[in-house]
Amino acid sequence: MGYVIARVIAAAMLFWALDRHKYDYFVLLRWVTCAVAAYGAVLASEVRRISWTWTLGIVALLFNPILPVHLKRETWAVIDVATGVLLLASIWQVRRLPGKTP
């Protein structure tokens, strides 16, 4: 349940990024999105969802705060919305089912 909440928070932050914010917000957004996507990639791998493993891994790399990718604001707006939708979709697609072990 905790990871579901983390994905919803990250998605909300990504949608809210369409508004104007100080640079610090975008740094925090990178940390949160990278961490949530990286954990999702690990979880997807454990439940054998290979396409989701790769997709969330790429998102984690794109949002990584250590070696940031620099793109235009308009480009980031599209990426932010797409990533927010992707994280919300992953709630239903990447999960452990009760009683099932990887």
PDB file of N, CA and C in Angstrom:
ATOM      1  N   MET A   1       0.821  -1.203   0.000  1.00  0.00           N
ATOM      2  CA  MET A   1       0.000   0.000   0.000  1.00  0.00           C
ATOM      3  C   MET A   1       0.861   1.262   0.000  1.00  0.00           C
ATOM      4  N   GLY A   2       1.999   1.189   0.683  1.00  0.00           N
ATOM      5  CA  GLY A   2       2.872   2.354   0.753  1.00  0.00           C
ATOM      6  C   GLY A   2       3.404   2.781  -0.602  1.00  0.00           C
ATOM      7  N   TYR A   3       3.705   1.780  -1.463  1.00  0.00           N
ATOM      8  CA  TYR A   3       4.225   2.119  -2.780  1.00  0.00           C
ATOM      9  C   TYR A   3       3.129   2.701  -3.665  1.00  0.00           C
ATOM     10  N   VAL A   4       1.891   2.305  -3.454  1.00  0.00           N
ATOM     11  CA  VAL A   4       0.762   2.898  -4.190  1.00  0.00           C
ATOM     12  C   VAL A   4       0.687   4.385  -3.858  1.00  0.00           C
ATOM     13  N   ILE A   5       0.789   4.710  -2.590  1.00  0.00           N
ATOM     14  CA  ILE A   5       0.750   6.114  -2.155  1.00  0.00           C
ATOM     15  C   ILE A   5       1.923   6.883  -2.748  1.00  0.00           C
ATOM     16  N   ALA A   6       3.099   6.274  -2.771  1.00  0.00           N
ATOM     17  CA  ALA A   6       4.283   6.931  -3.336  1.00  0.00           C
ATOM     18  C   ALA A   6       4.072   7.241  -4.815  1.00  0.00           C
ATOM     19  N   ARG A   7       3.461   6.322  -5.549  1.00  0.00           N
ATOM     20  CA  ARG A   7       3.199   6.563  -6.977  1.00  0.00           C
ATOM     21  C   ARG A   7       2.178   7.680  -7.179  1.00  0.00           C
ATOM     22  N   VAL A   8       1.158   7.715  -6.339  1.00  0.00           N
ATOM     23  CA  VAL A   8       0.145   8.775  -6.453  1.00  0.00           C
ATOM     24  C   VAL A   8       0.776  10.131  -6.143  1.00  0.00           C
ATOM     25  N   ILE A   9       1.607  10.193  -5.107  1.00  0.00           N
ATOM     26  CA  ILE A   9       2.283  11.449  -4.756  1.00  0.00           C
ATOM     27  C   ILE A   9       3.206  11.893  -5.880  1.00  0.00           C
ATOM     28  N   ALA A  10       3.999  10.963  -6.408  1.00  0.00           N
ATOM     29  CA  ALA A  10       4.916  11.309  -7.501  1.00  0.00           C
ATOM     30  C   ALA A  10       4.135  11.792  -8.723  1.00  0.00           C
ATOM     31  N   ALA A  11       3.032  11.115  -9.045  1.00  0.00           N
ATOM     32  CA  ALA A  11       2.222  11.533 -10.195  1.00  0.00           C
ATOM     33  C   ALA A  11       1.636  12.928  -9.968  1.00  0.00           C
ATOM     34  N   ALA A  12       1.141  13.177  -8.762  1.00  0.00           N
ATOM     35  CA  ALA A  12       0.593  14.507  -8.452  1.00  0.00           C
ATOM     36  C   ALA A  12       1.677  15.577  -8.578  1.00  0.00           C
ATOM     37  N   MET A  13       2.874  15.269  -8.095  1.00  0.00           N
ATOM     38  CA  MET A  13       3.979  16.225  -8.218  1.00  0.00           C
ATOM     39  C   MET A  13       4.316  16.479  -9.684  1.00  0.00           C
ATOM     40  N   LEU A  14       4.282  15.421 -10.511  1.00  0.00           N
ATOM     41  CA  LEU A  14       4.576  15.583 -11.932  1.00  0.00           C
ATOM     42  C   LEU A  14       3.524  16.456 -12.616  1.00  0.00           C
ATOM     43  N   PHE A  15       2.251  16.255 -12.279  1.00  0.00           N
ATOM     44  CA  PHE A  15       1.199  17.090 -12.867  1.00  0.00           C
ATOM     45  C   PHE A  15       1.314  18.535 -12.382  1.00  0.00           C
ATOM     46  N   TRP A  16       1.655  18.698 -11.116  1.00  0.00           N
ATOM     47  CA  TRP A  16       1.793  20.037 -10.547  1.00  0.00           C
ATOM     48  C   TRP A  16       3.012  20.765 -11.126  1.00  0.00           C
ATOM     49  N   ALA A  17       3.951  20.012 -11.674  1.00  0.00           N
ATOM     50  CA  ALA A  17       5.149  20.617 -12.264  1.00  0.00           C
ATOM     51  C   ALA A  17       4.830  21.454 -13.490  1.00  0.00           C
ATOM     52  N   LEU A  18       3.619  21.337 -14.011  1.00  0.00           N
ATOM     53  CA  LEU A  18       3.233  22.149 -15.172  1.00  0.00           C
ATOM     54  C   LEU A  18       3.109  23.623 -14.808  1.00  0.00           C
ATOM     55  N   ASP A  19       2.933  23.899 -13.519  1.00  0.00           N
ATOM     56  CA  ASP A  19       2.854  25.274 -13.039  1.00  0.00           C
ATOM     57  C   ASP A  19       4.277  25.814 -12.858  1.00  0.00           C
ATOM     58  N   ARG A  20       4.403  27.088 -12.613  1.00  0.00           N
ATOM     59  CA  ARG A  20       5.715  27.698 -12.360  1.00  0.00           C
ATOM     60  C   ARG A  20       6.137  27.426 -10.922  1.00  0.00           C
ATOM     61  N   HIS A  21       7.384  27.022 -10.746  1.00  0.00           N
ATOM     62  CA  HIS A  21       7.939  26.746  -9.417  1.00  0.00           C
ATOM     63  C   HIS A  21       9.392  27.176  -9.388  1.00  0.00           C
ATOM     64  N   LYS A  22       9.911  27.261  -8.183  1.00  0.00           N
ATOM     65  CA  LYS A  22      11.344  27.512  -8.030  1.00  0.00           C
ATOM     66  C   LYS A  22      12.104  26.261  -8.449  1.00  0.00           C
ATOM     67  N   TYR A  23      13.373  26.432  -8.760  1.00  0.00           N
ATOM     68  CA  TYR A  23      14.216  25.324  -9.216  1.00  0.00           C
ATOM     69  C   TYR A  23      14.252  24.195  -8.190  1.00  0.00           C
ATOM     70  N   ASP A  24      14.199  24.543  -6.896  1.00  0.00           N
ATOM     71  CA  ASP A  24      14.255  23.528  -5.841  1.00  0.00           C
ATOM     72  C   ASP A  24      13.125  22.502  -5.974  1.00  0.00           C
ATOM     73  N   TYR A  25      11.965  22.932  -6.432  1.00  0.00           N
ATOM     74  CA  TYR A  25      10.850  22.000  -6.621  1.00  0.00           C
ATOM     75  C   TYR A  25      11.220  20.934  -7.644  1.00  0.00           C
ATOM     76  N   PHE A  26      11.867  21.345  -8.712  1.00  0.00           N
ATOM     77  CA  PHE A  26      12.209  20.408  -9.772  1.00  0.00           C
ATOM     78  C   PHE A  26      13.330  19.464  -9.339  1.00  0.00           C
ATOM     79  N   VAL A  27      14.202  19.933  -8.474  1.00  0.00           N
ATOM     80  CA  VAL A  27      15.223  19.041  -7.908  1.00  0.00           C
ATOM     81  C   VAL A  27      14.539  17.976  -7.055  1.00  0.00           C
ATOM     82  N   LEU A  28      13.612  18.393  -6.188  1.00  0.00           N
ATOM     83  CA  LEU A  28      12.859  17.441  -5.368  1.00  0.00           C
ATOM     84  C   LEU A  28      12.060  16.490  -6.255  1.00  0.00           C
ATOM     85  N   LEU A  29      11.453  17.010  -7.300  1.00  0.00           N
ATOM     86  CA  LEU A  29      10.688  16.180  -8.226  1.00  0.00           C
ATOM     87  C   LEU A  29      11.559  15.095  -8.843  1.00  0.00           C
ATOM     88  N   ARG A  30      12.771  15.452  -9.222  1.00  0.00           N
ATOM     89  CA  ARG A  30      13.699  14.463  -9.788  1.00  0.00           C
ATOM     90  C   ARG A  30      14.000  13.355  -8.781  1.00  0.00           C
ATOM     91  N   TRP A  31      14.298  13.728  -7.527  1.00  0.00           N
ATOM     92  CA  TRP A  31      14.613  12.730  -6.493  1.00  0.00           C
ATOM     93  C   TRP A  31      13.434  11.797  -6.265  1.00  0.00           C
ATOM     94  N   VAL A  32      12.254  12.373  -6.117  1.00  0.00           N
ATOM     95  CA  VAL A  32      11.061  11.567  -5.831  1.00  0.00           C
ATOM     96  C   VAL A  32      10.737  10.650  -7.010  1.00  0.00           C
ATOM     97  N   THR A  33      10.691  11.208  -8.206  1.00  0.00           N
ATOM     98  CA  THR A  33      10.331  10.422  -9.379  1.00  0.00           C
ATOM     99  C   THR A  33      11.361   9.337  -9.657  1.00  0.00           C
ATOM    100  N   CYS A  34      12.619   9.662  -9.529  1.00  0.00           N
ATOM    101  CA  CYS A  34      13.678   8.676  -9.746  1.00  0.00           C
ATOM    102  C   CYS A  34      13.550   7.527  -8.750  1.00  0.00           C
ATOM    103  N   ALA A  35      13.356   7.851  -7.487  1.00  0.00           N
ATOM    104  CA  ALA A  35      13.254   6.810  -6.453  1.00  0.00           C
ATOM    105  C   ALA A  35      12.019   5.932  -6.677  1.00  0.00           C
ATOM    106  N   VAL A  36      10.886   6.553  -6.955  1.00  0.00           N
ATOM    107  CA  VAL A  36       9.650   5.792  -7.164  1.00  0.00           C
ATOM    108  C   VAL A  36       9.772   4.907  -8.408  1.00  0.00           C
ATOM    109  N   ALA A  37      10.325   5.432  -9.475  1.00  0.00           N
ATOM    110  CA  ALA A  37      10.477   4.647 -10.709  1.00  0.00           C
ATOM    111  C   ALA A  37      11.493   3.523 -10.524  1.00  0.00           C
ATOM    112  N   ALA A  38      12.596   3.802  -9.846  1.00  0.00           N
ATOM    113  CA  ALA A  38      13.613   2.768  -9.624  1.00  0.00           C
ATOM    114  C   ALA A  38      13.043   1.624  -8.787  1.00  0.00           C
ATOM    115  N   TYR A  39      12.323   1.964  -7.725  1.00  0.00           N
ATOM    116  CA  TYR A  39      11.702   0.926  -6.907  1.00  0.00           C
ATOM    117  C   TYR A  39      10.673   0.152  -7.732  1.00  0.00           C
ATOM    118  N   GLY A  40       9.923   0.855  -8.558  1.00  0.00           N
ATOM    119  CA  GLY A  40       8.954   0.194  -9.431  1.00  0.00           C
ATOM    120  C   GLY A  40       9.614  -0.761 -10.405  1.00  0.00           C
ATOM    121  N   ALA A  41      10.773  -0.388 -10.919  1.00  0.00           N
ATOM    122  CA  ALA A  41      11.504  -1.272 -11.829  1.00  0.00           C
ATOM    123  C   ALA A  41      11.925  -2.548 -11.113  1.00  0.00           C
ATOM    124  N   VAL A  42      12.378  -2.420  -9.877  1.00  0.00           N
ATOM    125  CA  VAL A  42      12.759  -3.594  -9.090  1.00  0.00           C
ATOM    126  C   VAL A  42      11.536  -4.476  -8.833  1.00  0.00           C
ATOM    127  N   LEU A  43      10.433  -3.863  -8.426  1.00  0.00           N
ATOM    128  CA  LEU A  43       9.205  -4.609  -8.167  1.00  0.00           C
ATOM    129  C   LEU A  43       8.706  -5.286  -9.444  1.00  0.00           C
ATOM    130  N   ALA A  44       8.731  -4.581 -10.552  1.00  0.00           N
ATOM    131  CA  ALA A  44       8.294  -5.148 -11.828  1.00  0.00           C
ATOM    132  C   ALA A  44       9.154  -6.351 -12.205  1.00  0.00           C
ATOM    133  N   SER A  45      10.431  -6.264 -11.939  1.00  0.00           N
ATOM    134  CA  SER A  45      11.327  -7.385 -12.211  1.00  0.00           C
ATOM    135  C   SER A  45      10.969  -8.588 -11.337  1.00  0.00           C
ATOM    136  N   GLU A  46      10.656  -8.328 -10.083  1.00  0.00           N
ATOM    137  CA  GLU A  46      10.302  -9.416  -9.165  1.00  0.00           C
ATOM    138  C   GLU A  46       9.025 -10.134  -9.578  1.00  0.00           C
ATOM    139  N   VAL A  47       8.072  -9.398 -10.133  1.00  0.00           N
ATOM    140  CA  VAL A  47       6.810 -10.014 -10.551  1.00  0.00           C
ATOM    141  C   VAL A  47       6.807 -10.352 -12.041  1.00  0.00           C
ATOM    142  N   ARG A  48       7.979 -10.317 -12.633  1.00  0.00           N
ATOM    143  CA  ARG A  48       8.191 -10.741 -14.017  1.00  0.00           C
ATOM    144  C   ARG A  48       7.424  -9.908 -15.053  1.00  0.00           C
ATOM    145  N   ARG A  49       7.376  -8.609 -14.833  1.00  0.00           N
ATOM    146  CA  ARG A  49       6.766  -7.689 -15.807  1.00  0.00           C
ATOM    147  C   ARG A  49       7.919  -6.963 -16.513  1.00  0.00           C
ATOM    148  N   ILE A  50       8.520  -7.627 -17.477  1.00  0.00           N
ATOM    149  CA  ILE A  50       9.765  -7.161 -18.099  1.00  0.00           C
ATOM    150  C   ILE A  50       9.601  -5.814 -18.802  1.00  0.00           C
ATOM    151  N   SER A  51       8.511  -5.619 -19.546  1.00  0.00           N
ATOM    152  CA  SER A  51       8.343  -4.336 -20.241  1.00  0.00           C
ATOM    153  C   SER A  51       8.224  -3.192 -19.229  1.00  0.00           C
ATOM    154  N   TRP A  52       7.553  -3.444 -18.108  1.00  0.00           N
ATOM    155  CA  TRP A  52       7.455  -2.428 -17.063  1.00  0.00           C
ATOM    156  C   TRP A  52       8.805  -2.216 -16.382  1.00  0.00           C
ATOM    157  N   THR A  53       9.588  -3.264 -16.252  1.00  0.00           N
ATOM    158  CA  THR A  53      10.927  -3.124 -15.674  1.00  0.00           C
ATOM    159  C   THR A  53      11.749  -2.147 -16.497  1.00  0.00           C
ATOM    160  N   TRP A  54      11.757  -2.353 -17.806  1.00  0.00           N
ATOM    161  CA  TRP A  54      12.515  -1.480 -18.693  1.00  0.00           C
ATOM    162  C   TRP A  54      11.950  -0.056 -18.711  1.00  0.00           C
ATOM    163  N   THR A  55      10.651   0.050 -18.794  1.00  0.00           N
ATOM    164  CA  THR A  55      10.010   1.371 -18.862  1.00  0.00           C
ATOM    165  C   THR A  55      10.302   2.192 -17.615  1.00  0.00           C
ATOM    166  N   LEU A  56      10.096   1.595 -16.449  1.00  0.00           N
ATOM    167  CA  LEU A  56      10.339   2.325 -15.197  1.00  0.00           C
ATOM    168  C   LEU A  56      11.835   2.571 -14.982  1.00  0.00           C
ATOM    169  N   GLY A  57      12.668   1.669 -15.460  1.00  0.00           N
ATOM    170  CA  GLY A  57      14.114   1.893 -15.382  1.00  0.00           C
ATOM    171  C   GLY A  57      14.542   3.091 -16.215  1.00  0.00           C
ATOM    172  N   ILE A  58      13.965   3.216 -17.400  1.00  0.00           N
ATOM    173  CA  ILE A  58      14.275   4.363 -18.266  1.00  0.00           C
ATOM    174  C   ILE A  58      13.778   5.657 -17.619  1.00  0.00           C
ATOM    175  N   VAL A  59      12.587   5.614 -17.016  1.00  0.00           N
ATOM    176  CA  VAL A  59      12.063   6.798 -16.312  1.00  0.00           C
ATOM    177  C   VAL A  59      13.008   7.191 -15.185  1.00  0.00           C
ATOM    178  N   ALA A  60      13.488   6.201 -14.433  1.00  0.00           N
ATOM    179  CA  ALA A  60      14.427   6.489 -13.335  1.00  0.00           C
ATOM    180  C   ALA A  60      15.695   7.148 -13.872  1.00  0.00           C
ATOM    181  N   LEU A  61      16.208   6.666 -14.980  1.00  0.00           N
ATOM    182  CA  LEU A  61      17.401   7.282 -15.581  1.00  0.00           C
ATOM    183  C   LEU A  61      17.118   8.695 -16.079  1.00  0.00           C
ATOM    184  N   LEU A  62      15.963   8.893 -16.695  1.00  0.00           N
ATOM    185  CA  LEU A  62      15.597  10.206 -17.221  1.00  0.00           C
ATOM    186  C   LEU A  62      15.476  11.247 -16.112  1.00  0.00           C
ATOM    187  N   PHE A  63      14.944  10.834 -14.965  1.00  0.00           N
ATOM    188  CA  PHE A  63      14.737  11.765 -13.855  1.00  0.00           C
ATOM    189  C   PHE A  63      15.857  11.738 -12.825  1.00  0.00           C
ATOM    190  N   ASN A  64      16.928  10.999 -13.092  1.00  0.00           N
ATOM    191  CA  ASN A  64      17.972  10.885 -12.072  1.00  0.00           C
ATOM    192  C   ASN A  64      18.556  12.254 -11.739  1.00  0.00           C
ATOM    193  N   PRO A  65      18.701  12.553 -10.450  1.00  0.00           N
ATOM    194  CA  PRO A  65      19.161  13.880 -10.029  1.00  0.00           C
ATOM    195  C   PRO A  65      20.683  14.040 -10.034  1.00  0.00           C
ATOM    196  N   ILE A  66      21.405  12.954 -10.172  1.00  0.00           N
ATOM    197  CA  ILE A  66      22.873  13.020 -10.128  1.00  0.00           C
ATOM    198  C   ILE A  66      23.436  13.517 -11.466  1.00  0.00           C
ATOM    199  N   LEU A  67      22.951  12.947 -12.545  1.00  0.00           N
ATOM    200  CA  LEU A  67      23.354  13.376 -13.893  1.00  0.00           C
ATOM    201  C   LEU A  67      22.090  13.822 -14.635  1.00  0.00           C
ATOM    202  N   PRO A  68      21.615  15.032 -14.344  1.00  0.00           N
ATOM    203  CA  PRO A  68      20.319  15.460 -14.888  1.00  0.00           C
ATOM    204  C   PRO A  68      20.329  15.618 -16.410  1.00  0.00           C
ATOM    205  N   VAL A  69      19.193  15.280 -16.990  1.00  0.00           N
ATOM    206  CA  VAL A  69      18.959  15.483 -18.416  1.00  0.00           C
ATOM    207  C   VAL A  69      18.376  16.885 -18.564  1.00  0.00           C
ATOM    208  N   HIS A  70      18.963  17.687 -19.422  1.00  0.00           N
ATOM    209  CA  HIS A  70      18.500  19.064 -19.614  1.00  0.00           C
ATOM    210  C   HIS A  70      17.706  19.159 -20.913  1.00  0.00           C
ATOM    211  N   LEU A  71      16.430  19.480 -20.774  1.00  0.00           N
ATOM    212  CA  LEU A  71      15.536  19.638 -21.913  1.00  0.00           C
ATOM    213  C   LEU A  71      14.766  20.945 -21.762  1.00  0.00           C
ATOM    214  N   LYS A  72      14.095  21.361 -22.837  1.00  0.00           N
ATOM    215  CA  LYS A  72      13.289  22.578 -22.779  1.00  0.00           C
ATOM    216  C   LYS A  72      12.074  22.359 -21.888  1.00  0.00           C
ATOM    217  N   ARG A  73      11.569  23.431 -21.337  1.00  0.00           N
ATOM    218  CA  ARG A  73      10.408  23.376 -20.443  1.00  0.00           C
ATOM    219  C   ARG A  73       9.205  22.706 -21.123  1.00  0.00           C
ATOM    220  N   GLU A  74       8.990  23.004 -22.385  1.00  0.00           N
ATOM    221  CA  GLU A  74       7.864  22.426 -23.109  1.00  0.00           C
ATOM    222  C   GLU A  74       8.013  20.909 -23.246  1.00  0.00           C
ATOM    223  N   THR A  75       9.231  20.475 -23.473  1.00  0.00           N
ATOM    224  CA  THR A  75       9.495  19.041 -23.587  1.00  0.00           C
ATOM    225  C   THR A  75       9.261  18.348 -22.247  1.00  0.00           C
ATOM    226  N   TRP A  76       9.745  18.986 -21.162  1.00  0.00           N
ATOM    227  CA  TRP A  76       9.537  18.408 -19.837  1.00  0.00           C
ATOM    228  C   TRP A  76       8.060  18.346 -19.489  1.00  0.00           C
ATOM    229  N   ALA A  77       7.271  19.301 -19.953  1.00  0.00           N
ATOM    230  CA  ALA A  77       5.834  19.293 -19.657  1.00  0.00           C
ATOM    231  C   ALA A  77       5.186  18.027 -20.219  1.00  0.00           C
ATOM    232  N   VAL A  78       5.529  17.679 -21.433  1.00  0.00           N
ATOM    233  CA  VAL A  78       4.982  16.462 -22.048  1.00  0.00           C
ATOM    234  C   VAL A  78       5.474  15.228 -21.294  1.00  0.00           C
ATOM    235  N   ILE A  79       6.755  15.198 -20.977  1.00  0.00           N
ATOM    236  CA  ILE A  79       7.333  14.060 -20.249  1.00  0.00           C
ATOM    237  C   ILE A  79       6.711  13.933 -18.862  1.00  0.00           C
ATOM    238  N   ASP A  80       6.511  15.059 -18.191  1.00  0.00           N
ATOM    239  CA  ASP A  80       5.915  15.026 -16.849  1.00  0.00           C
ATOM    240  C   ASP A  80       4.513  14.422 -16.874  1.00  0.00           C
ATOM    241  N   VAL A  81       3.693  14.853 -17.819  1.00  0.00           N
ATOM    242  CA  VAL A  81       2.328  14.331 -17.899  1.00  0.00           C
ATOM    243  C   VAL A  81       2.355  12.842 -18.253  1.00  0.00           C
ATOM    244  N   ALA A  82       3.155  12.474 -19.236  1.00  0.00           N
ATOM    245  CA  ALA A  82       3.243  11.074 -19.647  1.00  0.00           C
ATOM    246  C   ALA A  82       3.734  10.193 -18.497  1.00  0.00           C
ATOM    247  N   THR A  83       4.717  10.681 -17.759  1.00  0.00           N
ATOM    248  CA  THR A  83       5.260   9.913 -16.641  1.00  0.00           C
ATOM    249  C   THR A  83       4.237   9.807 -15.514  1.00  0.00           C
ATOM    250  N   GLY A  84       3.505  10.883 -15.254  1.00  0.00           N
ATOM    251  CA  GLY A  84       2.458  10.830 -14.239  1.00  0.00           C
ATOM    252  C   GLY A  84       1.404   9.790 -14.580  1.00  0.00           C
ATOM    253  N   VAL A  85       0.969   9.767 -15.825  1.00  0.00           N
ATOM    254  CA  VAL A  85      -0.011   8.777 -16.274  1.00  0.00           C
ATOM    255  C   VAL A  85       0.577   7.375 -16.174  1.00  0.00           C
ATOM    256  N   LEU A  86       1.828   7.232 -16.567  1.00  0.00           N
ATOM    257  CA  LEU A  86       2.508   5.941 -16.498  1.00  0.00           C
ATOM    258  C   LEU A  86       2.584   5.419 -15.059  1.00  0.00           C
ATOM    259  N   LEU A  87       2.938   6.294 -14.125  1.00  0.00           N
ATOM    260  CA  LEU A  87       3.016   5.869 -12.729  1.00  0.00           C
ATOM    261  C   LEU A  87       1.646   5.466 -12.198  1.00  0.00           C
ATOM    262  N   LEU A  88       0.609   6.190 -12.582  1.00  0.00           N
ATOM    263  CA  LEU A  88      -0.734   5.814 -12.151  1.00  0.00           C
ATOM    264  C   LEU A  88      -1.143   4.471 -12.764  1.00  0.00           C
ATOM    265  N   ALA A  89      -0.822   4.251 -14.027  1.00  0.00           N
ATOM    266  CA  ALA A  89      -1.141   2.971 -14.675  1.00  0.00           C
ATOM    267  C   ALA A  89      -0.377   1.826 -14.016  1.00  0.00           C
ATOM    268  N   SER A  90       0.823   2.099 -13.553  1.00  0.00           N
ATOM    269  CA  SER A  90       1.631   1.040 -12.936  1.00  0.00           C
ATOM    270  C   SER A  90       1.026   0.540 -11.627  1.00  0.00           C
ATOM    271  N   ILE A  91       0.127   1.327 -11.025  1.00  0.00           N
ATOM    272  CA  ILE A  91      -0.532   0.880  -9.798  1.00  0.00           C
ATOM    273  C   ILE A  91      -1.286  -0.424 -10.064  1.00  0.00           C
ATOM    274  N   TRP A  92      -1.907  -0.546 -11.233  1.00  0.00           N
ATOM    275  CA  TRP A  92      -2.669  -1.740 -11.569  1.00  0.00           C
ATOM    276  C   TRP A  92      -1.826  -2.789 -12.287  1.00  0.00           C
ATOM    277  N   GLN A  93      -0.761  -2.357 -12.921  1.00  0.00           N
ATOM    278  CA  GLN A  93       0.024  -3.281 -13.734  1.00  0.00           C
ATOM    279  C   GLN A  93       1.215  -3.896 -13.006  1.00  0.00           C
ATOM    280  N   VAL A  94       1.747  -3.187 -12.031  1.00  0.00           N
ATOM    281  CA  VAL A  94       2.943  -3.657 -11.322  1.00  0.00           C
ATOM    282  C   VAL A  94       2.608  -3.759  -9.848  1.00  0.00           C
ATOM    283  N   ARG A  95       2.281  -4.964  -9.425  1.00  0.00           N
ATOM    284  CA  ARG A  95       1.946  -5.171  -8.016  1.00  0.00           C
ATOM    285  C   ARG A  95       2.115  -6.636  -7.664  1.00  0.00           C
ATOM    286  N   ARG A  96       2.338  -6.842  -6.396  1.00  0.00           N
ATOM    287  CA  ARG A  96       2.375  -8.204  -5.876  1.00  0.00           C
ATOM    288  C   ARG A  96       0.947  -8.601  -5.523  1.00  0.00           C
ATOM    289  N   LEU A  97       0.554  -9.745  -5.960  1.00  0.00           N
ATOM    290  CA  LEU A  97      -0.768 -10.232  -5.586  1.00  0.00           C
ATOM    291  C   LEU A  97      -0.696 -10.927  -4.237  1.00  0.00           C
ATOM    292  N   PRO A  98      -1.706 -10.765  -3.405  1.00  0.00           N
ATOM    293  CA  PRO A  98      -1.691 -11.405  -2.090  1.00  0.00           C
ATOM    294  C   PRO A  98      -1.505 -12.914  -2.212  1.00  0.00           C
ATOM    295  N   GLY A  99      -0.624 -13.440  -1.388  1.00  0.00           N
ATOM    296  CA  GLY A  99      -0.382 -14.884  -1.388  1.00  0.00           C
ATOM    297  C   GLY A  99       0.544 -15.375  -2.471  1.00  0.00           C
ATOM    298  N   LYS A 100       0.977 -14.473  -3.351  1.00  0.00           N
ATOM    299  CA  LYS A 100       1.882 -14.862  -4.437  1.00  0.00           C
ATOM    300  C   LYS A 100       3.294 -14.394  -4.095  1.00  0.00           C
ATOM    301  N   THR A 101       4.260 -15.225  -4.363  1.00  0.00           N
ATOM    302  CA  THR A 101       5.653 -14.836  -4.191  1.00  0.00           C
ATOM    303  C   THR A 101       6.308 -14.839  -5.551  1.00  0.00           C
ATOM    304  N   PRO A 102       7.260 -13.952  -5.750  1.00  0.00           N
ATOM    305  CA  PRO A 102       7.896 -13.869  -7.069  1.00  0.00           C
ATOM    306  C   PRO A 102       8.662 -15.115  -7.417  1.00  0.00           C
TER     307      PRO A 102
END
